């Protein structure tokens, strides 16, 4: 069984944040969030994943498996 809690949700708007905290603090927080976020995220490259992760998302191995006779000595 999953427990669900009923609680009222407040509608969050910029106007409500400015009314509650003031325009200066909201502007400072927004500028800090933009600066601290850093640059753009790098694009995802499936070639850099291990074979285990590639298999988890449905991709084949990055390179073919070794030939069976190459393991024999």
C-alpha atoms as a PDB file:
ATOM      1  CA  UNK A   1       0.000   0.000   0.000  1.00  0.00           C
ATOM      2  CA  UNK A   2       1.244   3.473  -0.802  1.00  0.00           C
ATOM      3  CA  UNK A   3       0.569   6.251   1.654  1.00  0.00           C
ATOM      4  CA  UNK A   4      -0.500   9.522   0.134  1.00  0.00           C
ATOM      5  CA  UNK A   5      -0.586  12.756   2.081  1.00  0.00           C
ATOM      6  CA  UNK A   6      -3.131  15.384   1.298  1.00  0.00           C
ATOM      7  CA  UNK A   7      -1.797  18.875   1.758  1.00  0.00           C
ATOM      8  CA  UNK A   8      -2.787  22.103   0.125  1.00  0.00           C
ATOM      9  CA  UNK A   9      -0.425  23.325  -2.533  1.00  0.00           C
ATOM     10  CA  UNK A  10       0.382  26.990  -2.703  1.00  0.00           C
ATOM     11  CA  UNK A  11       0.557  28.496  -6.159  1.00  0.00           C
ATOM     12  CA  UNK A  12       4.102  29.808  -6.512  1.00  0.00           C
ATOM     13  CA  UNK A  13       4.563  32.861  -8.689  1.00  0.00           C
ATOM     14  CA  UNK A  14       7.272  35.443  -9.053  1.00  0.00           C
ATOM     15  CA  UNK A  15       4.865  38.055  -7.737  1.00  0.00           C
ATOM     16  CA  UNK A  16       4.276  35.987  -4.593  1.00  0.00           C
ATOM     17  CA  UNK A  17       8.038  35.557  -4.069  1.00  0.00           C
ATOM     18  CA  UNK A  18       8.644  39.293  -4.497  1.00  0.00           C
ATOM     19  CA  UNK A  19       5.823  40.083  -2.089  1.00  0.00           C
ATOM     20  CA  UNK A  20       7.206  37.638   0.481  1.00  0.00           C
ATOM     21  CA  UNK A  21      10.976  38.235   0.209  1.00  0.00           C
ATOM     22  CA  UNK A  22      11.387  41.546  -1.635  1.00  0.00           C
ATOM     23  CA  UNK A  23      12.525  42.358  -5.144  1.00  0.00           C
ATOM     24  CA  UNK A  24      16.217  42.663  -4.251  1.00  0.00           C
ATOM     25  CA  UNK A  25      16.482  39.211  -2.705  1.00  0.00           C
ATOM     26  CA  UNK A  26      14.545  37.576  -5.549  1.00  0.00           C
ATOM     27  CA  UNK A  27      16.720  39.292  -8.152  1.00  0.00           C
ATOM     28  CA  UNK A  28      19.903  38.358  -6.281  1.00  0.00           C
ATOM     29  CA  UNK A  29      18.791  34.720  -6.012  1.00  0.00           C
ATOM     30  CA  UNK A  30      17.912  34.579  -9.716  1.00  0.00           C
ATOM     31  CA  UNK A  31      21.268  36.052 -10.748  1.00  0.00           C
ATOM     32  CA  UNK A  32      23.138  33.705  -8.437  1.00  0.00           C
ATOM     33  CA  UNK A  33      21.246  30.716  -9.878  1.00  0.00           C
ATOM     34  CA  UNK A  34      22.166  31.768 -13.412  1.00  0.00           C
ATOM     35  CA  UNK A  35      25.829  32.257 -12.564  1.00  0.00           C
ATOM     36  CA  UNK A  36      26.234  29.207 -10.320  1.00  0.00           C
ATOM     37  CA  UNK A  37      24.590  26.911 -12.837  1.00  0.00           C
ATOM     38  CA  UNK A  38      27.697  26.948 -14.969  1.00  0.00           C
ATOM     39  CA  UNK A  39      27.908  26.431 -18.686  1.00  0.00           C
ATOM     40  CA  UNK A  40      25.758  24.363 -20.947  1.00  0.00           C
ATOM     41  CA  UNK A  41      25.662  20.674 -20.144  1.00  0.00           C
ATOM     42  CA  UNK A  42      27.781  18.628 -22.475  1.00  0.00           C
ATOM     43  CA  UNK A  43      25.911  16.434 -24.938  1.00  0.00           C
ATOM     44  CA  UNK A  44      25.403  12.844 -23.926  1.00  0.00           C
ATOM     45  CA  UNK A  45      27.595  10.365 -25.760  1.00  0.00           C
ATOM     46  CA  UNK A  46      26.686   6.683 -25.591  1.00  0.00           C
ATOM     47  CA  UNK A  47      30.158   5.741 -26.828  1.00  0.00           C
ATOM     48  CA  UNK A  48      31.631   6.714 -23.452  1.00  0.00           C
ATOM     49  CA  UNK A  49      29.390   4.341 -21.473  1.00  0.00           C
ATOM     50  CA  UNK A  50      30.588   0.977 -20.225  1.00  0.00           C
ATOM     51  CA  UNK A  51      29.151  -2.152 -21.803  1.00  0.00           C
ATOM     52  CA  UNK A  52      27.095  -2.805 -18.658  1.00  0.00           C
ATOM     53  CA  UNK A  53      25.351   0.576 -18.898  1.00  0.00           C
ATOM     54  CA  UNK A  54      24.937   0.233 -22.667  1.00  0.00           C
ATOM     55  CA  UNK A  55      23.198  -3.117 -22.131  1.00  0.00           C
ATOM     56  CA  UNK A  56      20.922  -1.557 -19.466  1.00  0.00           C
ATOM     57  CA  UNK A  57      19.580   0.991 -21.950  1.00  0.00           C
ATOM     58  CA  UNK A  58      19.252  -1.511 -24.790  1.00  0.00           C
ATOM     59  CA  UNK A  59      22.428  -0.875 -26.787  1.00  0.00           C
ATOM     60  CA  UNK A  60      24.907  -3.470 -27.942  1.00  0.00           C
ATOM     61  CA  UNK A  61      28.524  -3.615 -26.780  1.00  0.00           C
ATOM     62  CA  UNK A  62      30.841  -0.826 -27.914  1.00  0.00           C
ATOM     63  CA  UNK A  63      33.231  -3.273 -29.549  1.00  0.00           C
ATOM     64  CA  UNK A  64      32.669  -6.851 -30.643  1.00  0.00           C
ATOM     65  CA  UNK A  65      33.640  -9.584 -28.211  1.00  0.00           C
ATOM     66  CA  UNK A  66      37.020 -11.259 -28.709  1.00  0.00           C
ATOM     67  CA  UNK A  67      37.268 -14.360 -30.857  1.00  0.00           C
ATOM     68  CA  UNK A  68      37.068 -17.535 -28.755  1.00  0.00           C
ATOM     69  CA  UNK A  69      40.416 -18.883 -29.949  1.00  0.00           C
ATOM     70  CA  UNK A  70      42.217 -15.704 -28.930  1.00  0.00           C
ATOM     71  CA  UNK A  71      41.594 -16.626 -25.281  1.00  0.00           C
ATOM     72  CA  UNK A  72      43.283 -20.030 -25.666  1.00  0.00           C
ATOM     73  CA  UNK A  73      47.019 -20.426 -25.209  1.00  0.00           C
END
